[in-house]
Amino acid sequence: MDYLLACIMKRLFERRSYQELKSEDEARKEKPIYSKVSLFGPSGSGKTRLARALLGAPGSEKTESTIGCSYYEDNADKPVTFHFWDIGGAERFESLWPMYLRGCEQVVLTFDSEDAASFAELSYYYDKIHKFAPDAKVVLVGTYQNGVAAVSDEAIQAFMREHAIQECYPIDVNNEDDVHTLRCLLFEQSQPKPILESSALVQAKELAKESIEMLRSLMITESDENAAAIQFICKILDDALLSSNLNSYFNLNADLLQEYLEKLRYSGSSLYSTAYNAVATVLVCGAILATGFVAFHWLNKILKENYATKGDYLLFSTSGAKQLAQEALHKTSHSTSPGKK
């Protein structure tokens, strides 16, 4: 039922069939994510041992200097499949660096934190990243074995500021927690990029923002108790518009939102309707995205309540929101309750 209602709302705005939407959703869930990650830095900085540790091999194993480049594939963290490229750092392989850096989503820039000379070479290697993989996310990693640092924290922070690097990790490749922390970051940064918003979604978000601001403006004329409820409702709705997963968001906040709406139920029809309208316009965004299945129950409930109490006349104050809601009401009432108006 959730999926059917989602598809009904999606068709309202994009005129797409149920089967098309279902196939697209299933493909999106099953589609693997491939992430190209290059380990790059001065020769002898621990790149190979780090790569092997990320694959679950003991970091204490002895390794030879990498000749050219070594490749590892790892799909232990479904749906992400990592393509690790361990690039030989010796200057005699410099002609190969562009080939292995181009197209990288992430670069682990590695230095030996127990060797000041290794750190001193980093700028040279960063310049190569900036030239051949300018869009890659750079993670700075200082490897160590004995725990005696030869590079100060101040020097590392200065380097990060100079090159706009956000993340830096000191890592003992024999420490599973250190390696796991880095792996989690690489996994998190490998998630799909946000989908460009459709014109319908942009319009719906603008209407939702208008509705929220209209509700917020009523705080100055209401009692302290009502003003507090309005403030909480607006905060929940503001965060909903920023959420990447409306389903999880409304699962977590549905009861709280309902509680604050109930506080306004007997405060006057105008305030209560304005609050419900603000919620409805946010849920319309979820309908267009076809991702917030919990939101559809809310939208259906709100629209049916409006229909039962006000008929075809919905008190949507923002321009265009009334029409969107009336169309949604028509679709949901006729599709979920066959034979009933």
Protein backbone atom coordinates (compact mmCIF):
# COMPACT_ATOMS: atom_id res chain seq x y z
CA MET A 1 0.00 0.00 0.00
CA ASP A 2 2.85 2.36 0.85
CA TYR A 3 4.45 1.88 -2.53
CA LEU A 4 1.15 2.23 -4.39
CA LEU A 5 0.40 5.51 -2.65
CA ALA A 6 3.92 6.71 -3.39
CA CYS A 7 3.44 5.94 -7.06
CA ILE A 8 0.09 7.69 -7.15
CA MET A 9 1.68 10.85 -5.78
CA LYS A 10 4.64 10.56 -8.12
CA ARG A 11 2.37 10.24 -11.14
CA LEU A 12 0.56 13.36 -10.01
CA PHE A 13 3.64 15.42 -10.80
CA GLU A 14 5.61 13.44 -13.38
CA ARG A 15 2.92 11.38 -15.18
CA ARG A 16 4.89 8.14 -14.89
CA SER A 17 3.45 4.64 -14.68
CA TYR A 18 3.47 2.45 -11.59
CA GLN A 19 5.65 -0.15 -13.33
CA GLU A 20 8.22 2.46 -14.41
CA LEU A 21 8.51 3.77 -10.87
CA LYS A 22 8.74 0.29 -9.35
CA SER A 23 11.43 -0.81 -11.80
CA GLU A 24 13.41 2.38 -11.22
CA ASP A 25 13.22 2.00 -7.44
CA GLU A 26 14.33 -1.64 -7.56
CA ALA A 27 17.20 -0.78 -9.91
CA ARG A 28 18.30 2.04 -7.61
CA LYS A 29 18.39 -0.31 -4.62
CA GLU A 30 20.30 -3.01 -6.48
CA LYS A 31 22.69 -0.81 -8.45
CA PRO A 32 26.24 -1.21 -7.09
CA ILE A 33 28.44 1.77 -6.35
CA TYR A 34 32.01 1.72 -7.65
CA SER A 35 34.54 3.95 -5.93
CA LYS A 36 38.04 4.49 -7.29
CA VAL A 37 40.42 5.20 -4.41
CA SER A 38 44.12 5.92 -5.03
CA LEU A 39 46.76 5.64 -2.33
CA PHE A 40 49.39 8.19 -3.22
CA GLY A 41 52.42 9.73 -1.56
CA PRO A 42 56.19 9.52 -1.09
CA SER A 43 57.92 6.18 -1.57
CA GLY A 44 58.14 4.21 1.67
CA SER A 45 55.25 6.03 3.33
CA GLY A 46 53.29 2.84 4.04
CA LYS A 47 50.79 2.89 1.17
CA THR A 48 51.00 -0.84 0.38
CA ARG A 49 50.70 -1.92 4.00
CA LEU A 50 47.74 0.42 4.39
CA ALA A 51 46.06 -0.94 1.26
CA ARG A 52 46.49 -4.50 2.49
CA ALA A 53 45.18 -3.55 5.93
CA LEU A 54 42.06 -2.02 4.32
CA LEU A 55 41.54 -5.39 2.63
CA GLY A 56 41.81 -7.21 5.96
CA ALA A 57 45.37 -8.52 5.59
CA PRO A 58 47.78 -8.16 8.53
CA GLY A 59 49.52 -4.80 8.39
CA SER A 60 52.64 -6.30 9.91
CA GLU A 61 53.42 -8.31 6.77
CA LYS A 62 56.56 -7.16 4.99
CA THR A 63 56.01 -5.56 1.60
CA GLU A 64 58.24 -4.66 -1.30
CA SER A 65 58.34 -1.23 -2.91
CA THR A 66 55.50 -0.96 -5.42
CA ILE A 67 56.59 -1.08 -9.04
CA GLY A 68 54.28 1.13 -11.07
CA CYS A 69 50.94 0.44 -9.45
CA SER A 70 49.10 -2.36 -7.66
CA TYR A 71 45.35 -2.87 -7.94
CA TYR A 72 42.97 -4.34 -5.37
CA GLU A 73 39.21 -4.80 -5.57
CA ASP A 74 37.06 -5.11 -2.49
CA ASN A 75 33.26 -5.40 -2.25
CA ALA A 76 32.94 -6.40 1.40
CA ASP A 77 30.93 -3.22 2.13
CA LYS A 78 27.93 -3.71 -0.13
CA PRO A 79 26.71 -1.96 -2.17
CA VAL A 80 30.09 -0.17 -2.46
CA THR A 81 32.87 -1.88 -4.40
CA PHE A 82 36.23 -0.25 -3.77
CA HIS A 83 38.87 -0.14 -6.50
CA PHE A 84 42.10 0.55 -4.61
CA TRP A 85 45.08 1.76 -6.65
CA ASP A 86 48.36 1.61 -4.74
CA ILE A 87 50.53 3.99 -6.78
CA GLY A 88 54.29 3.63 -6.61
CA GLY A 89 55.67 6.83 -5.14
CA ALA A 90 59.16 6.68 -6.63
CA GLU A 91 59.80 9.50 -9.09
CA ARG A 92 60.77 7.05 -11.82
CA PHE A 93 57.06 6.13 -12.04
CA GLU A 94 55.93 9.74 -12.35
CA SER A 95 54.87 9.30 -15.97
CA LEU A 96 52.29 6.73 -14.80
CA TRP A 97 50.73 8.88 -12.08
CA PRO A 98 48.23 10.73 -14.33
CA MET A 99 46.74 7.44 -15.53
CA TYR A 100 46.06 6.20 -12.01
CA LEU A 101 44.93 9.52 -10.56
CA ARG A 102 42.45 10.55 -13.26
CA GLY A 103 38.88 9.69 -12.39
CA CYS A 104 39.59 9.13 -8.69
CA GLU A 105 36.77 9.92 -6.33
CA GLN A 106 39.09 9.78 -3.32
CA VAL A 107 42.84 10.00 -2.80
CA VAL A 108 44.51 8.81 0.40
CA LEU A 109 47.58 11.07 0.56
CA THR A 110 50.02 9.13 2.71
CA PHE A 111 53.17 10.08 4.60
CA ASP A 112 55.32 8.42 7.24
CA SER A 113 54.68 10.41 10.42
CA GLU A 114 57.96 9.08 11.86
CA ASP A 115 59.96 10.53 8.96
CA ALA A 116 60.14 14.31 8.59
CA ALA A 117 61.51 13.99 5.05
CA SER A 118 58.40 12.04 4.01
CA PHE A 119 56.17 14.85 5.22
CA ALA A 120 58.33 17.48 3.51
CA GLU A 121 57.61 15.88 0.13
CA LEU A 122 53.82 16.01 0.48
CA SER A 123 53.30 19.33 -1.31
CA TYR A 124 54.90 17.89 -4.45
CA TYR A 125 52.49 14.97 -4.43
CA TYR A 126 49.49 17.14 -3.59
CA ASP A 127 50.22 19.31 -6.64
CA LYS A 128 49.97 16.18 -8.81
CA ILE A 129 46.59 15.35 -7.28
CA HIS A 130 45.39 18.89 -7.87
CA LYS A 131 46.53 18.69 -11.50
CA PHE A 132 45.26 15.23 -12.48
CA ALA A 133 42.36 14.63 -10.04
CA PRO A 134 41.11 18.11 -9.08
CA ASP A 135 37.66 16.89 -8.01
CA ALA A 136 38.89 14.05 -5.79
CA LYS A 137 38.34 14.15 -2.04
CA VAL A 138 41.73 14.08 -0.36
CA VAL A 139 42.24 12.29 2.96
CA LEU A 140 45.59 12.84 4.67
CA VAL A 141 47.00 9.77 6.47
CA GLY A 142 50.12 9.69 8.61
CA THR A 143 51.25 6.10 9.13
CA TYR A 144 53.35 5.04 12.12
CA GLN A 145 54.67 1.87 13.73
CA ASN A 146 56.62 2.82 16.86
CA GLY A 147 54.51 5.80 17.87
CA VAL A 148 57.41 8.31 17.85
CA ALA A 149 56.20 11.19 15.71
CA ALA A 150 58.71 13.25 13.76
CA VAL A 151 56.08 15.72 12.49
CA SER A 152 54.31 18.17 14.79
CA ASP A 153 50.54 18.59 14.88
CA GLU A 154 51.02 22.28 14.08
CA ALA A 155 52.87 21.45 10.85
CA ILE A 156 50.15 19.01 9.82
CA GLN A 157 47.38 21.51 10.53
CA ALA A 158 49.22 24.20 8.56
CA PHE A 159 49.54 21.84 5.59
CA MET A 160 45.84 21.00 5.74
CA ARG A 161 44.84 24.67 5.84
CA GLU A 162 47.13 25.51 2.93
CA HIS A 163 45.67 22.77 0.75
CA ALA A 164 42.07 22.83 2.03
CA ILE A 165 42.20 19.23 3.27
CA GLN A 166 39.39 18.42 5.71
CA GLU A 167 40.35 15.00 7.05
CA CYS A 168 43.60 13.71 8.60
CA TYR A 169 44.16 10.37 10.32
CA PRO A 170 47.20 9.03 12.17
CA ILE A 171 47.06 5.29 11.48
CA ASP A 172 48.87 2.28 12.83
CA VAL A 173 48.17 -0.34 10.16
CA ASN A 174 48.34 -3.02 12.86
CA ASN A 175 45.52 -1.35 14.76
CA GLU A 176 42.16 -2.64 13.49
CA ASP A 177 40.26 0.34 14.95
CA ASP A 178 42.45 2.83 13.10
CA VAL A 179 41.98 1.00 9.81
CA HIS A 180 38.25 0.56 10.38
CA THR A 181 37.82 4.29 11.00
CA LEU A 182 39.48 5.13 7.69
CA ARG A 183 37.46 2.50 5.86
CA CYS A 184 34.21 3.91 7.27
CA LEU A 185 35.15 7.37 6.00
CA LEU A 186 35.92 6.04 2.52
CA PHE A 187 32.60 4.18 2.52
CA GLU A 188 30.66 7.24 3.63
CA GLN A 189 32.26 9.42 0.96
CA SER A 190 31.48 6.82 -1.71
CA GLN A 191 27.74 7.24 -1.44
CA PRO A 192 25.89 8.44 -4.56
CA LYS A 193 25.90 12.16 -5.25
CA PRO A 194 22.57 13.97 -4.73
CA ILE A 195 20.20 13.76 -7.67
CA LEU A 196 19.48 17.08 -9.35
CA GLU A 197 16.12 18.34 -8.20
CA SER A 198 13.29 18.50 -10.71
CA SER A 199 11.48 21.76 -11.37
CA ALA A 200 8.40 20.34 -9.63
CA LEU A 201 10.42 19.59 -6.49
CA VAL A 202 12.03 23.03 -6.51
CA GLN A 203 8.59 24.62 -6.78
CA ALA A 204 7.19 22.45 -4.00
CA LYS A 205 10.12 23.30 -1.71
CA GLU A 206 9.61 27.02 -2.27
CA LEU A 207 5.93 26.65 -1.42
CA ALA A 208 6.83 24.63 1.67
CA LYS A 209 9.26 27.30 2.83
CA GLU A 210 6.59 29.97 2.36
CA SER A 211 4.11 27.92 4.40
CA ILE A 212 6.62 27.38 7.20
CA GLU A 213 7.47 31.08 7.35
CA MET A 214 3.77 31.97 7.39
CA LEU A 215 3.26 29.65 10.35
CA ARG A 216 6.35 31.03 12.09
CA SER A 217 5.08 34.61 11.68
CA LEU A 218 2.05 33.77 13.87
CA MET A 219 4.25 33.22 16.92
CA ILE A 220 4.23 36.91 17.82
CA THR A 221 0.42 36.99 18.20
CA GLU A 222 -0.03 33.70 20.05
CA SER A 223 0.32 32.65 23.67
CA ASP A 224 3.65 31.39 24.94
CA GLU A 225 2.39 27.80 24.88
CA ASN A 226 1.19 28.04 21.28
CA ALA A 227 4.32 29.92 20.23
CA ALA A 228 6.49 27.13 21.63
CA ALA A 229 4.47 24.52 19.73
CA ILE A 230 4.76 26.56 16.51
CA GLN A 231 8.52 26.90 17.00
CA PHE A 232 8.96 23.12 17.38
CA ILE A 233 6.76 22.33 14.37
CA CYS A 234 8.69 24.80 12.19
CA LYS A 235 12.00 23.33 13.35
CA ILE A 236 10.88 19.79 12.47
CA LEU A 237 9.68 20.93 9.03
CA ASP A 238 12.82 22.97 8.34
CA ASP A 239 14.96 19.91 9.06
CA ALA A 240 12.67 17.72 6.95
CA LEU A 241 13.39 19.84 3.86
CA LEU A 242 17.11 19.28 4.46
CA SER A 243 16.79 15.54 5.11
CA SER A 244 18.12 13.11 2.50
CA ASN A 245 15.80 10.34 3.75
CA LEU A 246 12.27 11.50 4.52
CA ASN A 247 11.18 7.99 5.40
CA SER A 248 13.65 7.69 8.30
CA TYR A 249 13.09 11.31 9.26
CA PHE A 250 9.33 10.98 9.66
CA ASN A 251 9.71 7.61 11.38
CA LEU A 252 11.76 9.40 14.04
CA ASN A 253 9.66 12.56 14.29
CA ALA A 254 6.07 11.57 13.45
CA ASP A 255 4.91 11.15 17.06
CA LEU A 256 6.56 14.39 18.13
CA LEU A 257 5.05 16.31 15.23
CA GLN A 258 1.61 14.88 15.99
CA GLU A 259 1.97 15.87 19.64
CA TYR A 260 2.66 19.52 18.81
CA LEU A 261 -0.11 19.65 16.22
CA GLU A 262 -2.54 18.36 18.85
CA LYS A 263 -1.54 21.26 21.11
CA LEU A 264 -2.85 23.63 18.42
CA ARG A 265 -6.04 21.71 17.63
CA TYR A 266 -8.28 23.81 19.89
CA SER A 267 -6.38 27.07 19.59
CA GLY A 268 -8.44 28.33 16.67
CA SER A 269 -9.22 27.00 13.21
CA SER A 270 -6.96 29.48 11.43
CA LEU A 271 -3.80 28.60 13.39
CA TYR A 272 -4.51 24.87 13.28
CA SER A 273 -5.15 24.95 9.52
CA THR A 274 -2.01 26.98 8.89
CA ALA A 275 0.06 24.45 10.85
CA TYR A 276 -1.45 21.50 8.99
CA ASN A 277 -0.97 23.25 5.65
CA ALA A 278 2.72 23.78 6.41
CA VAL A 279 3.08 20.08 7.18
CA ALA A 280 1.19 19.13 4.01
CA THR A 281 3.36 21.22 1.71
CA VAL A 282 6.50 19.61 3.14
CA LEU A 283 4.97 16.18 2.58
CA VAL A 284 4.19 17.09 -1.01
CA CYS A 285 7.97 17.33 -1.48
CA GLY A 286 8.21 13.77 -0.21
CA ALA A 287 5.50 12.73 -2.64
CA ILE A 288 7.45 14.12 -5.57
CA LEU A 289 10.63 12.41 -4.39
CA ALA A 290 8.72 9.14 -3.88
CA THR A 291 11.08 8.27 -1.03
CA GLY A 292 9.23 9.16 2.17
CA PHE A 293 6.65 6.38 2.41
CA VAL A 294 5.76 7.31 6.00
CA ALA A 295 5.11 10.82 4.73
CA PHE A 296 2.39 9.56 2.41
CA HIS A 297 0.31 8.29 5.31
CA TRP A 298 0.58 11.74 6.84
CA LEU A 299 -0.33 13.51 3.63
CA ASN A 300 -3.28 11.21 3.04
CA LYS A 301 -4.52 11.77 6.60
CA ILE A 302 -4.13 15.55 6.40
CA LEU A 303 -5.84 15.84 3.04
CA LYS A 304 -8.72 13.57 4.09
CA GLU A 305 -9.21 15.56 7.28
CA ASN A 306 -9.30 18.79 5.28
CA TYR A 307 -11.78 17.19 2.89
CA ALA A 308 -14.04 15.99 5.69
CA THR A 309 -14.09 19.32 7.52
CA LYS A 310 -13.86 21.84 4.67
CA GLY A 311 -14.88 19.97 1.54
CA ASP A 312 -13.20 21.25 -1.58
CA TYR A 313 -12.16 24.46 0.13
CA LEU A 314 -8.67 24.10 1.57
CA LEU A 315 -7.16 26.98 3.49
CA PHE A 316 -3.80 26.94 1.76
CA SER A 317 -2.54 30.50 1.89
CA THR A 318 0.61 30.23 -0.21
CA SER A 319 0.21 30.69 -3.92
CA GLY A 320 0.00 27.36 -5.74
CA ALA A 321 -0.03 25.20 -2.60
CA LYS A 322 -3.83 25.00 -2.56
CA GLN A 323 -3.92 23.65 -6.10
CA LEU A 324 -1.21 21.07 -5.36
CA ALA A 325 -3.06 19.92 -2.26
CA GLN A 326 -6.44 19.73 -4.00
CA GLU A 327 -4.97 17.64 -6.82
CA ALA A 328 -3.26 15.38 -4.28
CA LEU A 329 -6.52 15.08 -2.33
CA HIS A 330 -8.40 14.06 -5.46
CA LYS A 331 -5.84 11.38 -6.31
CA THR A 332 -5.52 9.94 -2.80
CA SER A 333 -9.22 9.98 -1.90
CA HIS A 334 -10.31 8.33 -5.13
CA SER A 335 -7.40 5.89 -5.39
CA THR A 336 -7.27 4.67 -1.78
CA SER A 337 -11.04 4.53 -1.24
CA PRO A 338 -12.61 3.18 -4.46
CA GLY A 339 -16.24 4.16 -4.91
CA LYS A 340 -16.13 6.90 -2.26
CA LYS A 341 -15.90 10.58 -2.93
